[in-house]
Amino acid sequence: MKINKKLAVIAGIAVTVTVCVAATSSKPADVHYENLKVLSQNITSKDLQSIMVDDFQDGLGVTCNFCHATAKDGHGLDFASDAKPEKEISRAMMRMTIGINKKYFKLKHPLIGSDALTVTCNTCHKGQAFPDGSEEQK
């Protein structure tokens, strides 16, 4: 009888652990982000989130809706949309940052979000959307 109780407890723990591990996966392998033009098409959800928070939210002091348009149904954001010009400006700035790191700091394959970058968004922006501190560039 004691063996059956131990076996039941062990089986219960194994099932619980399996369910918890399955529920915490960060991104299914078949998820594909739409309309990435500078960032890698194979970026993980963890790396994408890190770039959006560390580089843009912290480095520029902006939130998601600064670059991403509201969804057509009015609920949430349409991350794939190019409706806001700030998104293309952001892409141009990322390309510029990559170029500076390649040309002047001799990084062979600089990637946005990499700790190897010498020049980042924060280098000039210092937590502000516009480097000179103005509310909007004309």
C-alpha atoms as a PDB file:
ATOM      1  CA  MET A   1       0.000   0.000   0.000  1.00  0.00           C
ATOM      2  CA  LYS A   2       2.847   2.421   0.860  1.00  0.00           C
ATOM      3  CA  ILE A   3       4.474   1.787  -2.521  1.00  0.00           C
ATOM      4  CA  ASN A   4       1.260   2.734  -4.345  1.00  0.00           C
ATOM      5  CA  LYS A   5       0.983   5.995  -2.368  1.00  0.00           C
ATOM      6  CA  LYS A   6       4.608   6.883  -3.134  1.00  0.00           C
ATOM      7  CA  LEU A   7       4.092   6.054  -6.798  1.00  0.00           C
ATOM      8  CA  ALA A   8       0.950   8.210  -6.926  1.00  0.00           C
ATOM      9  CA  VAL A   9       2.753  11.156  -5.304  1.00  0.00           C
ATOM     10  CA  ILE A  10       5.733  10.862  -7.674  1.00  0.00           C
ATOM     11  CA  ALA A  11       3.431  10.609 -10.700  1.00  0.00           C
ATOM     12  CA  GLY A  12       1.464  13.644  -9.512  1.00  0.00           C
ATOM     13  CA  ILE A  13       4.630  15.700  -9.100  1.00  0.00           C
ATOM     14  CA  ALA A  14       5.885  14.641 -12.541  1.00  0.00           C
ATOM     15  CA  VAL A  15       2.606  15.663 -14.184  1.00  0.00           C
ATOM     16  CA  THR A  16       2.598  19.022 -12.363  1.00  0.00           C
ATOM     17  CA  VAL A  17       6.182  19.800 -13.395  1.00  0.00           C
ATOM     18  CA  THR A  18       5.465  18.836 -17.018  1.00  0.00           C
ATOM     19  CA  VAL A  19       2.390  21.085 -17.181  1.00  0.00           C
ATOM     20  CA  CYS A  20       4.255  24.018 -15.592  1.00  0.00           C
ATOM     21  CA  VAL A  21       7.193  23.740 -17.997  1.00  0.00           C
ATOM     22  CA  ALA A  22       4.879  23.528 -21.013  1.00  0.00           C
ATOM     23  CA  ALA A  23       2.904  26.569 -19.859  1.00  0.00           C
ATOM     24  CA  THR A  24       5.975  28.796 -19.470  1.00  0.00           C
ATOM     25  CA  SER A  25       7.493  28.518 -22.949  1.00  0.00           C
ATOM     26  CA  SER A  26       8.220  32.056 -24.198  1.00  0.00           C
ATOM     27  CA  LYS A  27       7.480  31.632 -27.903  1.00  0.00           C
ATOM     28  CA  PRO A  28       6.300  28.701 -29.975  1.00  0.00           C
ATOM     29  CA  ALA A  29       8.783  27.766 -32.697  1.00  0.00           C
ATOM     30  CA  ASP A  30       6.270  28.478 -35.469  1.00  0.00           C
ATOM     31  CA  VAL A  31       5.496  32.091 -34.426  1.00  0.00           C
ATOM     32  CA  HIS A  32       6.696  34.544 -37.068  1.00  0.00           C
ATOM     33  CA  TYR A  33       6.879  38.287 -36.586  1.00  0.00           C
ATOM     34  CA  GLU A  34       5.555  40.345 -39.478  1.00  0.00           C
ATOM     35  CA  ASN A  35       7.248  43.304 -41.154  1.00  0.00           C
ATOM     36  CA  LEU A  36      10.657  43.169 -39.467  1.00  0.00           C
ATOM     37  CA  LYS A  37      12.991  45.092 -41.765  1.00  0.00           C
ATOM     38  CA  VAL A  38      16.063  45.735 -39.600  1.00  0.00           C
ATOM     39  CA  LEU A  39      15.741  43.196 -36.803  1.00  0.00           C
ATOM     40  CA  SER A  40      16.275  39.517 -37.607  1.00  0.00           C
ATOM     41  CA  GLN A  41      13.266  37.532 -38.832  1.00  0.00           C
ATOM     42  CA  ASN A  42      14.434  34.767 -36.454  1.00  0.00           C
ATOM     43  CA  ILE A  43      14.536  36.973 -33.355  1.00  0.00           C
ATOM     44  CA  THR A  44      13.270  35.342 -30.168  1.00  0.00           C
ATOM     45  CA  SER A  45      10.436  36.901 -28.223  1.00  0.00           C
ATOM     46  CA  LYS A  46      12.858  37.435 -25.315  1.00  0.00           C
ATOM     47  CA  ASP A  47      15.364  39.326 -27.499  1.00  0.00           C
ATOM     48  CA  LEU A  48      12.633  41.384 -29.181  1.00  0.00           C
ATOM     49  CA  GLN A  49      11.145  42.332 -25.815  1.00  0.00           C
ATOM     50  CA  SER A  50      14.600  43.255 -24.518  1.00  0.00           C
ATOM     51  CA  ILE A  51      15.226  45.576 -27.487  1.00  0.00           C
ATOM     52  CA  MET A  52      11.818  47.207 -27.178  1.00  0.00           C
ATOM     53  CA  VAL A  53      12.233  47.805 -23.431  1.00  0.00           C
ATOM     54  CA  ASP A  54      15.978  48.400 -22.996  1.00  0.00           C
ATOM     55  CA  ASP A  55      16.713  50.265 -26.220  1.00  0.00           C
ATOM     56  CA  PHE A  56      13.475  52.070 -27.000  1.00  0.00           C
ATOM     57  CA  GLN A  57      11.488  52.421 -23.791  1.00  0.00           C
ATOM     58  CA  ASP A  58      14.501  53.145 -21.569  1.00  0.00           C
ATOM     59  CA  GLY A  59      16.855  54.659 -24.169  1.00  0.00           C
ATOM     60  CA  LEU A  60      14.236  56.946 -25.721  1.00  0.00           C
ATOM     61  CA  GLY A  61      11.701  57.301 -22.925  1.00  0.00           C
ATOM     62  CA  VAL A  62       8.851  56.181 -25.194  1.00  0.00           C
ATOM     63  CA  THR A  63       6.163  53.522 -25.031  1.00  0.00           C
ATOM     64  CA  CYS A  64       5.008  51.138 -27.759  1.00  0.00           C
ATOM     65  CA  ASN A  65       2.426  53.525 -29.228  1.00  0.00           C
ATOM     66  CA  PHE A  66       5.155  56.039 -30.094  1.00  0.00           C
ATOM     67  CA  CYS A  67       6.041  53.941 -33.171  1.00  0.00           C
ATOM     68  CA  HIS A  68       3.212  51.403 -33.393  1.00  0.00           C
ATOM     69  CA  ALA A  69      -0.242  52.367 -34.696  1.00  0.00           C
ATOM     70  CA  THR A  70      -3.486  51.486 -32.972  1.00  0.00           C
ATOM     71  CA  ALA A  71      -5.135  48.374 -34.394  1.00  0.00           C
ATOM     72  CA  LYS A  72      -7.978  48.997 -36.856  1.00  0.00           C
ATOM     73  CA  ASP A  73     -10.506  47.604 -34.382  1.00  0.00           C
ATOM     74  CA  GLY A  74      -9.292  50.138 -31.808  1.00  0.00           C
ATOM     75  CA  HIS A  75      -8.070  47.462 -29.407  1.00  0.00           C
ATOM     76  CA  GLY A  76      -4.334  47.211 -28.822  1.00  0.00           C
ATOM     77  CA  LEU A  77      -1.606  47.949 -31.333  1.00  0.00           C
ATOM     78  CA  ASP A  78      -0.971  46.776 -34.878  1.00  0.00           C
ATOM     79  CA  PHE A  79       2.734  45.956 -34.579  1.00  0.00           C
ATOM     80  CA  ALA A  80       3.092  45.085 -38.292  1.00  0.00           C
ATOM     81  CA  SER A  81       1.600  48.374 -39.519  1.00  0.00           C
ATOM     82  CA  ASP A  82       3.799  51.089 -41.022  1.00  0.00           C
ATOM     83  CA  ALA A  83       1.097  53.758 -40.555  1.00  0.00           C
ATOM     84  CA  LYS A  84       3.180  55.897 -38.181  1.00  0.00           C
ATOM     85  CA  PRO A  85       6.221  57.663 -39.674  1.00  0.00           C
ATOM     86  CA  GLU A  86       8.066  57.231 -36.368  1.00  0.00           C
ATOM     87  CA  LYS A  87       8.443  53.539 -37.164  1.00  0.00           C
ATOM     88  CA  GLU A  88      10.408  54.208 -40.356  1.00  0.00           C
ATOM     89  CA  ILE A  89      12.447  56.867 -38.554  1.00  0.00           C
ATOM     90  CA  SER A  90      13.270  54.251 -35.921  1.00  0.00           C
ATOM     91  CA  ARG A  91      14.410  51.836 -38.627  1.00  0.00           C
ATOM     92  CA  ALA A  92      16.623  54.521 -40.157  1.00  0.00           C
ATOM     93  CA  MET A  93      18.128  55.254 -36.746  1.00  0.00           C
ATOM     94  CA  MET A  94      18.809  51.545 -36.164  1.00  0.00           C
ATOM     95  CA  ARG A  95      20.546  51.328 -39.555  1.00  0.00           C
ATOM     96  CA  MET A  96      22.568  54.434 -38.686  1.00  0.00           C
ATOM     97  CA  THR A  97      23.583  52.948 -35.325  1.00  0.00           C
ATOM     98  CA  ILE A  98      24.645  49.697 -36.985  1.00  0.00           C
ATOM     99  CA  GLY A  99      26.626  51.663 -39.592  1.00  0.00           C
ATOM    100  CA  ILE A 100      28.433  53.766 -36.981  1.00  0.00           C
ATOM    101  CA  ASN A 101      29.387  50.674 -34.994  1.00  0.00           C
ATOM    102  CA  LYS A 102      30.665  48.933 -38.152  1.00  0.00           C
ATOM    103  CA  LYS A 103      32.602  51.865 -39.574  1.00  0.00           C
ATOM    104  CA  TYR A 104      34.076  53.529 -36.518  1.00  0.00           C
ATOM    105  CA  PHE A 105      34.235  50.708 -33.969  1.00  0.00           C
ATOM    106  CA  LYS A 106      35.028  47.889 -36.394  1.00  0.00           C
ATOM    107  CA  LEU A 107      32.236  45.559 -35.265  1.00  0.00           C
ATOM    108  CA  LYS A 108      31.818  42.989 -38.032  1.00  0.00           C
ATOM    109  CA  HIS A 109      28.195  42.059 -37.332  1.00  0.00           C
ATOM    110  CA  PRO A 110      26.645  44.619 -34.984  1.00  0.00           C
ATOM    111  CA  LEU A 111      23.118  43.770 -33.885  1.00  0.00           C
ATOM    112  CA  ILE A 112      20.647  46.086 -32.219  1.00  0.00           C
ATOM    113  CA  GLY A 113      20.308  44.969 -28.610  1.00  0.00           C
ATOM    114  CA  SER A 114      23.819  43.504 -28.450  1.00  0.00           C
ATOM    115  CA  ASP A 115      26.037  44.379 -25.502  1.00  0.00           C
ATOM    116  CA  ALA A 116      28.916  44.650 -28.007  1.00  0.00           C
ATOM    117  CA  LEU A 117      27.552  47.916 -29.438  1.00  0.00           C
ATOM    118  CA  THR A 118      29.563  51.011 -28.558  1.00  0.00           C
ATOM    119  CA  VAL A 119      26.976  53.455 -29.908  1.00  0.00           C
ATOM    120  CA  THR A 120      23.340  52.804 -28.959  1.00  0.00           C
ATOM    121  CA  CYS A 121      20.110  54.807 -28.959  1.00  0.00           C
ATOM    122  CA  ASN A 122      20.929  56.044 -25.476  1.00  0.00           C
ATOM    123  CA  THR A 123      24.304  57.454 -26.602  1.00  0.00           C
ATOM    124  CA  CYS A 124      22.531  60.480 -28.087  1.00  0.00           C
ATOM    125  CA  HIS A 125      18.966  60.262 -26.839  1.00  0.00           C
ATOM    126  CA  LYS A 126      19.759  59.797 -23.137  1.00  0.00           C
ATOM    127  CA  GLY A 127      16.221  58.714 -22.294  1.00  0.00           C
ATOM    128  CA  GLN A 128      14.457  61.314 -24.465  1.00  0.00           C
ATOM    129  CA  ALA A 129      12.541  60.816 -27.697  1.00  0.00           C
ATOM    130  CA  PHE A 130      14.421  63.679 -29.343  1.00  0.00           C
ATOM    131  CA  PRO A 131      18.155  64.091 -28.651  1.00  0.00           C
ATOM    132  CA  ASP A 132      18.086  67.871 -28.256  1.00  0.00           C
ATOM    133  CA  GLY A 133      15.278  67.713 -25.706  1.00  0.00           C
ATOM    134  CA  SER A 134      12.635  69.314 -27.920  1.00  0.00           C
ATOM    135  CA  GLU A 135       9.177  67.772 -27.956  1.00  0.00           C
ATOM    136  CA  GLU A 136       9.145  67.298 -31.712  1.00  0.00           C
ATOM    137  CA  GLN A 137      11.548  67.603 -34.614  1.00  0.00           C
ATOM    138  CA  LYS A 138      10.363  69.827 -37.477  1.00  0.00           C
END
